[in-house]
Amino acid sequence: MALSGGELLRLGRIARKMSQEDVVSLYGGISISTYRRWEGGKTLIPYDELKAIIEQVFKLSFTHLLAMDLQTNEQLKISA
């Protein structure tokens, strides 16, 4: 099952135990409302922005995040 950009943001953020505010503060250049729209799937996140947040803020490789299995994803959703 392919994850959306917003789902990838949420997965990475929760894996790193960060708040949405933490992500925005570390990434910079975007508002909290923009980030929330991206993560919530209300607005599509540009690929370059998604890749930068995953790699620069979450310190994960895109490949690693995409490889997380569905069971881990479900456990993270429950703990959020």
C-alpha atoms as a PDB file:
ATOM      1  CA  MET A   1       0.000   0.000   0.000  1.00  0.00           C
ATOM      2  CA  ALA A   2       1.495   3.327  -1.064  1.00  0.00           C
ATOM      3  CA  LEU A   3       1.549   6.041   1.560  1.00  0.00           C
ATOM      4  CA  SER A   4       0.642   9.614   0.690  1.00  0.00           C
ATOM      5  CA  GLY A   5       3.016  12.498   1.317  1.00  0.00           C
ATOM      6  CA  GLY A   6       1.005  13.500   4.372  1.00  0.00           C
ATOM      7  CA  GLU A   7       1.130   9.966   5.740  1.00  0.00           C
ATOM      8  CA  LEU A   8       4.896   9.873   5.237  1.00  0.00           C
ATOM      9  CA  LEU A   9       5.229  13.152   7.141  1.00  0.00           C
ATOM     10  CA  ARG A  10       3.147  11.818  10.010  1.00  0.00           C
ATOM     11  CA  LEU A  11       4.997   8.505  10.085  1.00  0.00           C
ATOM     12  CA  GLY A  12       8.399  10.195  10.174  1.00  0.00           C
ATOM     13  CA  ARG A  13       7.300  12.752  12.763  1.00  0.00           C
ATOM     14  CA  ILE A  14       5.890  10.133  15.105  1.00  0.00           C
ATOM     15  CA  ALA A  15       8.894   7.845  14.605  1.00  0.00           C
ATOM     16  CA  ARG A  16      11.088  10.740  15.760  1.00  0.00           C
ATOM     17  CA  LYS A  17       8.696  11.647  18.613  1.00  0.00           C
ATOM     18  CA  MET A  18       8.281  15.190  17.344  1.00  0.00           C
ATOM     19  CA  SER A  19       5.333  17.556  17.421  1.00  0.00           C
ATOM     20  CA  GLN A  20       4.168  19.355  14.303  1.00  0.00           C
ATOM     21  CA  GLU A  21       5.542  22.532  15.851  1.00  0.00           C
ATOM     22  CA  ASP A  22       8.959  20.876  16.269  1.00  0.00           C
ATOM     23  CA  VAL A  23       9.042  19.979  12.577  1.00  0.00           C
ATOM     24  CA  VAL A  24       8.101  23.501  11.464  1.00  0.00           C
ATOM     25  CA  SER A  25      10.645  25.064  13.813  1.00  0.00           C
ATOM     26  CA  LEU A  26      13.494  22.837  12.624  1.00  0.00           C
ATOM     27  CA  TYR A  27      12.595  23.031   8.940  1.00  0.00           C
ATOM     28  CA  GLY A  28      11.749  26.721   8.781  1.00  0.00           C
ATOM     29  CA  GLY A  29      10.219  28.671   5.938  1.00  0.00           C
ATOM     30  CA  ILE A  30       6.706  27.252   6.325  1.00  0.00           C
ATOM     31  CA  SER A  31       3.839  28.021   8.673  1.00  0.00           C
ATOM     32  CA  ILE A  32       2.297  25.546  11.070  1.00  0.00           C
ATOM     33  CA  SER A  33      -0.965  25.779   9.121  1.00  0.00           C
ATOM     34  CA  THR A  34       0.823  24.804   5.894  1.00  0.00           C
ATOM     35  CA  TYR A  35       2.459  21.847   7.594  1.00  0.00           C
ATOM     36  CA  ARG A  36      -0.854  20.726   9.102  1.00  0.00           C
ATOM     37  CA  ARG A  37      -2.540  20.916   5.678  1.00  0.00           C
ATOM     38  CA  TRP A  38       0.262  18.826   4.172  1.00  0.00           C
ATOM     39  CA  GLU A  39       0.213  16.222   6.919  1.00  0.00           C
ATOM     40  CA  GLY A  40      -3.583  16.130   6.988  1.00  0.00           C
ATOM     41  CA  GLY A  41      -3.754  15.575   3.246  1.00  0.00           C
ATOM     42  CA  LYS A  42      -5.719  18.754   2.591  1.00  0.00           C
ATOM     43  CA  THR A  43      -2.936  20.116   0.375  1.00  0.00           C
ATOM     44  CA  LEU A  44      -0.409  18.125  -1.618  1.00  0.00           C
ATOM     45  CA  ILE A  45       3.163  18.602  -0.451  1.00  0.00           C
ATOM     46  CA  PRO A  46       5.710  19.293  -3.181  1.00  0.00           C
ATOM     47  CA  TYR A  47       8.130  16.372  -3.589  1.00  0.00           C
ATOM     48  CA  ASP A  48      11.210  18.517  -2.894  1.00  0.00           C
ATOM     49  CA  GLU A  49       9.709  19.739   0.392  1.00  0.00           C
ATOM     50  CA  LEU A  50       8.720  16.204   1.425  1.00  0.00           C
ATOM     51  CA  LYS A  51      12.184  14.826   0.670  1.00  0.00           C
ATOM     52  CA  ALA A  52      13.888  17.696   2.509  1.00  0.00           C
ATOM     53  CA  ILE A  53      11.781  17.289   5.656  1.00  0.00           C
ATOM     54  CA  ILE A  54      12.298  13.518   5.724  1.00  0.00           C
ATOM     55  CA  GLU A  55      16.049  13.795   5.266  1.00  0.00           C
ATOM     56  CA  GLN A  56      16.898  17.061   7.065  1.00  0.00           C
ATOM     57  CA  VAL A  57      14.410  17.119   9.928  1.00  0.00           C
ATOM     58  CA  PHE A  58      13.619  13.457  10.562  1.00  0.00           C
ATOM     59  CA  LYS A  59      17.173  12.366   9.647  1.00  0.00           C
ATOM     60  CA  LEU A  60      15.751   9.393   7.749  1.00  0.00           C
ATOM     61  CA  SER A  61      16.384   8.261   4.227  1.00  0.00           C
ATOM     62  CA  PHE A  62      13.398   8.299   1.921  1.00  0.00           C
ATOM     63  CA  THR A  63      14.011   4.609   1.249  1.00  0.00           C
ATOM     64  CA  HIS A  64      14.000   3.747   4.959  1.00  0.00           C
ATOM     65  CA  LEU A  65      10.733   5.555   5.583  1.00  0.00           C
ATOM     66  CA  LEU A  66       9.074   3.966   2.559  1.00  0.00           C
ATOM     67  CA  ALA A  67      10.262   0.532   3.706  1.00  0.00           C
ATOM     68  CA  MET A  68       8.564   0.728   7.108  1.00  0.00           C
ATOM     69  CA  ASP A  69       6.053  -2.086   7.211  1.00  0.00           C
ATOM     70  CA  LEU A  70       2.313  -1.650   7.721  1.00  0.00           C
ATOM     71  CA  GLN A  71       2.420  -3.160  11.204  1.00  0.00           C
ATOM     72  CA  THR A  72       4.860  -0.502  12.374  1.00  0.00           C
ATOM     73  CA  ASN A  73       2.718   2.159  10.717  1.00  0.00           C
ATOM     74  CA  GLU A  74      -0.378   0.936  12.551  1.00  0.00           C
ATOM     75  CA  GLN A  75       1.451   0.858  15.903  1.00  0.00           C
ATOM     76  CA  LEU A  76       2.598   4.446  15.374  1.00  0.00           C
ATOM     77  CA  LYS A  77      -0.942   5.581  14.548  1.00  0.00           C
ATOM     78  CA  ILE A  78      -2.236   4.071  17.779  1.00  0.00           C
ATOM     79  CA  SER A  79       0.440   5.700  19.919  1.00  0.00           C
ATOM     80  CA  ALA A  80      -0.040   9.181  18.435  1.00  0.00           C
END
